[in-house]
Structure formats: C-alpha cells, structure tokens
C-alpha atoms as a PDB file:
ATOM      1  CA  UNK A   1      -2.255 -14.757 104.504  1.00  0.00           C
ATOM      2  CA  UNK A   2       1.192 -16.640 104.238  1.00  0.00           C
ATOM      3  CA  UNK A   3       0.431 -17.610 100.553  1.00  0.00           C
ATOM      4  CA  UNK A   4      -0.460 -14.201  99.647  1.00  0.00           C
ATOM      5  CA  UNK A   5       3.085 -12.833 101.046  1.00  0.00           C
ATOM      6  CA  UNK A   6       4.705 -15.631  99.105  1.00  0.00           C
ATOM      7  CA  UNK A   7       2.834 -14.652  95.946  1.00  0.00           C
ATOM      8  CA  UNK A   8       3.900 -10.878  96.218  1.00  0.00           C
ATOM      9  CA  UNK A   9       7.481 -11.972  96.925  1.00  0.00           C
ATOM     10  CA  UNK A  10       7.355 -14.275  93.910  1.00  0.00           C
ATOM     11  CA  UNK A  11       6.236 -11.424  91.579  1.00  0.00           C
ATOM     12  CA  UNK A  12       8.590  -8.788  93.113  1.00  0.00           C
ATOM     13  CA  UNK A  13      11.427 -11.260  92.350  1.00  0.00           C
ATOM     14  CA  UNK A  14      10.565 -11.684  88.879  1.00  0.00           C
ATOM     15  CA  UNK A  15      10.026  -8.025  88.401  1.00  0.00           C
ATOM     16  CA  UNK A  16      13.525  -7.346  89.928  1.00  0.00           C
ATOM     17  CA  UNK A  17      15.119  -9.865  87.690  1.00  0.00           C
ATOM     18  CA  UNK A  18      13.628  -8.325  84.467  1.00  0.00           C
ATOM     19  CA  UNK A  19      14.565  -4.762  85.497  1.00  0.00           C
ATOM     20  CA  UNK A  20      18.238  -6.015  86.157  1.00  0.00           C
ATOM     21  CA  UNK A  21      18.318  -7.572  82.740  1.00  0.00           C
ATOM     22  CA  UNK A  22      17.095  -4.636  80.903  1.00  0.00           C
ATOM     23  CA  UNK A  23      19.594  -2.363  82.793  1.00  0.00           C
ATOM     24  CA  UNK A  24      22.419  -4.376  81.467  1.00  0.00           C
ATOM     25  CA  UNK A  25      21.280  -4.321  77.954  1.00  0.00           C
ATOM     26  CA  UNK A  26      22.929  -2.137  75.268  1.00  0.00           C
ATOM     27  CA  UNK A  27      21.901   1.310  74.566  1.00  0.00           C
ATOM     28  CA  UNK A  28      19.317   1.375  71.699  1.00  0.00           C
ATOM     29  CA  UNK A  29      19.851   4.855  70.758  1.00  0.00           C
ATOM     30  CA  UNK A  30      23.709   4.770  70.504  1.00  0.00           C
ATOM     31  CA  UNK A  31      23.427   5.116  66.706  1.00  0.00           C
ATOM     32  CA  UNK A  32      21.350   8.422  67.139  1.00  0.00           C
ATOM     33  CA  UNK A  33      23.671   9.717  69.665  1.00  0.00           C
ATOM     34  CA  UNK A  34      26.566   9.239  67.297  1.00  0.00           C
ATOM     35  CA  UNK A  35      24.755  10.977  64.358  1.00  0.00           C
ATOM     36  CA  UNK A  36      23.912  13.823  66.696  1.00  0.00           C
ATOM     37  CA  UNK A  37      27.645  14.154  67.574  1.00  0.00           C
ATOM     38  CA  UNK A  38      28.797  13.959  64.150  1.00  0.00           C
ATOM     39  CA  UNK A  39      26.186  16.506  62.837  1.00  0.00           C
ATOM     40  CA  UNK A  40      27.178  18.920  65.755  1.00  0.00           C
ATOM     41  CA  UNK A  41      30.918  18.590  64.870  1.00  0.00           C
ATOM     42  CA  UNK A  42      30.258  19.461  61.116  1.00  0.00           C
ATOM     43  CA  UNK A  43      30.952  23.267  60.047  1.00  0.00           C
ATOM     44  CA  UNK A  44      27.946  25.373  60.073  1.00  0.00           C
ATOM     45  CA  UNK A  45      27.044  27.138  56.956  1.00  0.00           C
ATOM     46  CA  UNK A  46      25.551  30.796  57.073  1.00  0.00           C
ATOM     47  CA  UNK A  47      22.113  31.221  56.390  1.00  0.00           C
ATOM     48  CA  UNK A  48      20.998  34.103  54.148  1.00  0.00           C
ATOM     49  CA  UNK A  49      19.214  36.994  55.618  1.00  0.00           C
ATOM     50  CA  UNK A  50      15.465  37.355  55.249  1.00  0.00           C
ATOM     51  CA  UNK A  51      14.464  39.558  52.196  1.00  0.00           C
ATOM     52  CA  UNK A  52      13.086  43.002  53.108  1.00  0.00           C
ATOM     53  CA  UNK A  53       9.307  43.048  52.592  1.00  0.00           C
ATOM     54  CA  UNK A  54       7.423  46.379  51.541  1.00  0.00           C
ATOM     55  CA  UNK A  55       5.185  47.495  54.200  1.00  0.00           C
ATOM     56  CA  UNK A  56       1.523  46.858  53.700  1.00  0.00           C
ATOM     57  CA  UNK A  57      -0.481  50.197  52.949  1.00  0.00           C
ATOM     58  CA  UNK A  58      -4.125  49.859  54.123  1.00  0.00           C
ATOM     59  CA  UNK A  59      -6.955  51.087  52.009  1.00  0.00           C
ATOM     60  CA  UNK A  60      -9.350  53.623  53.512  1.00  0.00           C
ATOM     61  CA  UNK A  61     -12.840  52.908  52.116  1.00  0.00           C
ATOM     62  CA  UNK A  62     -14.528  56.359  51.876  1.00  0.00           C
ATOM     63  CA  UNK A  63     -17.514  55.709  49.757  1.00  0.00           C
ATOM     64  CA  UNK A  64     -19.898  55.019  52.618  1.00  0.00           C
ATOM     65  CA  UNK A  65     -21.747  58.298  51.996  1.00  0.00           C
ATOM     66  CA  UNK A  66     -22.700  57.439  48.295  1.00  0.00           C
ATOM     67  CA  UNK A  67     -25.622  55.869  47.198  1.00  0.00           C
ATOM     68  CA  UNK A  68     -26.220  52.056  47.452  1.00  0.00           C
ATOM     69  CA  UNK A  69     -26.072  50.497  43.992  1.00  0.00           C
ATOM     70  CA  UNK A  70     -28.412  47.619  45.003  1.00  0.00           C
ATOM     71  CA  UNK A  71     -31.370  50.059  45.984  1.00  0.00           C
ATOM     72  CA  UNK A  72     -33.896  51.523  43.716  1.00  0.00           C
ATOM     73  CA  UNK A  73     -32.849  55.035  42.606  1.00  0.00           C
ATOM     74  CA  UNK A  74     -34.862  58.159  43.659  1.00  0.00           C
ATOM     75  CA  UNK A  75     -34.667  60.996  41.423  1.00  0.00           C
ATOM     76  CA  UNK A  76     -35.350  64.501  42.336  1.00  0.00           C
ATOM     77  CA  UNK A  77     -36.556  65.460  38.873  1.00  0.00           C
ATOM     78  CA  UNK A  78     -38.634  63.327  36.465  1.00  0.00           C
ATOM     79  CA  UNK A  79     -37.387  62.785  33.095  1.00  0.00           C
ATOM     80  CA  UNK A  80     -39.860  63.046  30.277  1.00  0.00           C
ATOM     81  CA  UNK A  81     -40.514  59.742  28.758  1.00  0.00           C
ATOM     82  CA  UNK A  82     -40.477  59.451  25.026  1.00  0.00           C
ATOM     83  CA  UNK A  83     -43.716  57.527  24.175  1.00  0.00           C
ATOM     84  CA  UNK A  84     -42.798  57.201  20.530  1.00  0.00           C
ATOM     85  CA  UNK A  85     -42.045  53.606  19.768  1.00  0.00           C
ATOM     86  CA  UNK A  86     -38.744  52.814  18.210  1.00  0.00           C
ATOM     87  CA  UNK A  87     -38.457  50.192  15.681  1.00  0.00           C
ATOM     88  CA  UNK A  88     -34.832  49.122  15.806  1.00  0.00           C
ATOM     89  CA  UNK A  89     -36.002  45.373  16.055  1.00  0.00           C
ATOM     90  CA  UNK A  90     -34.587  44.858  19.850  1.00  0.00           C
ATOM     91  CA  UNK A  91     -37.201  44.075  22.276  1.00  0.00           C
ATOM     92  CA  UNK A  92     -37.339  42.066  25.443  1.00  0.00           C
ATOM     93  CA  UNK A  93     -39.378  38.772  25.255  1.00  0.00           C
ATOM     94  CA  UNK A  94     -42.171  39.135  27.526  1.00  0.00           C
ATOM     95  CA  UNK A  95     -43.672  35.522  27.008  1.00  0.00           C
ATOM     96  CA  UNK A  96     -40.419  33.852  28.353  1.00  0.00           C
ATOM     97  CA  UNK A  97     -40.633  32.039  31.689  1.00  0.00           C
ATOM     98  CA  UNK A  98     -38.973  33.736  34.810  1.00  0.00           C
ATOM     99  CA  UNK A  99     -35.786  32.346  36.069  1.00  0.00           C
ATOM    100  CA  UNK A 100     -35.546  31.458  39.890  1.00  0.00           C
ATOM    101  CA  UNK A 101     -33.743  34.477  41.002  1.00  0.00           C
ATOM    102  CA  UNK A 102     -36.151  36.653  39.115  1.00  0.00           C
ATOM    103  CA  UNK A 103     -38.912  35.758  41.651  1.00  0.00           C
ATOM    104  CA  UNK A 104     -37.155  37.896  44.501  1.00  0.00           C
ATOM    105  CA  UNK A 105     -36.863  41.675  44.389  1.00  0.00           C
ATOM    106  CA  UNK A 106     -33.489  42.897  44.236  1.00  0.00           C
ATOM    107  CA  UNK A 107     -33.441  44.875  47.691  1.00  0.00           C
ATOM    108  CA  UNK A 108     -34.162  41.456  49.388  1.00  0.00           C
ATOM    109  CA  UNK A 109     -31.086  39.723  48.027  1.00  0.00           C
ATOM    110  CA  UNK A 110     -27.981  40.059  50.285  1.00  0.00           C
ATOM    111  CA  UNK A 111     -24.484  38.663  49.962  1.00  0.00           C
ATOM    112  CA  UNK A 112     -23.776  36.281  52.719  1.00  0.00           C
ATOM    113  CA  UNK A 113     -20.173  35.068  51.830  1.00  0.00           C
ATOM    114  CA  UNK A 114     -17.734  34.171  49.215  1.00  0.00           C
ATOM    115  CA  UNK A 115     -16.172  30.872  48.420  1.00  0.00           C
END
C-alpha cells in the first residue's frame, strides 16, 4: 500500500508542476485582445436603414367550381357529326407505334411534384 501512495504522490507532484508552469506562461490571446480593443475604439459608421418592401398580396384561387380540364368532357347536347370526308391532306398516322405515355388513360395520370 505504501508504494501506491508514493505513486499517487509522484503523479500529483508532476501535475502540480505542469499546472504551475502553464499558469506562468504568456497570455496566448494578447494579440486578439489588442485587436478587439482597437476595433472598439474606432468610430462607428452609420448603417443605412433597410428598404421598405411592398406587402405581399395573396391570390385567392376561385376556379374550384369549374370543370377539370383533365377529365373527359360531358356534353348536354350531341353535335351533329359531319361524315363527309375532307380532302385537305392532313390526316393522323394510324400505323405508327405508340409512345410510352400513350398507353395510360389521361384520367389516371396525376401530377406528383415539380423539380
């Protein structure tokens, strides 16, 4: 037991000597303190006031009772279809392959988000 007290006393002596040496050293932040002191002693310039902003006017969306443009329209009256073929030369190409998005009906497509 006597050896353990000696070892503890030895380490305590070393720690107190190191602490004493550190306490007597120079102040490492002396240059920082001098800079703060000179900066505080300088004249302060005036800061320009913030510009006035125009108030934000919110937009009230009032088209909720209108027809959804992405659903198939329902007409109350049926238009007469003109079955006379027109020869203007512009016709859809029915022999082309379908694109990837053409395989889905329009009412099943929903917007998830924007980038």
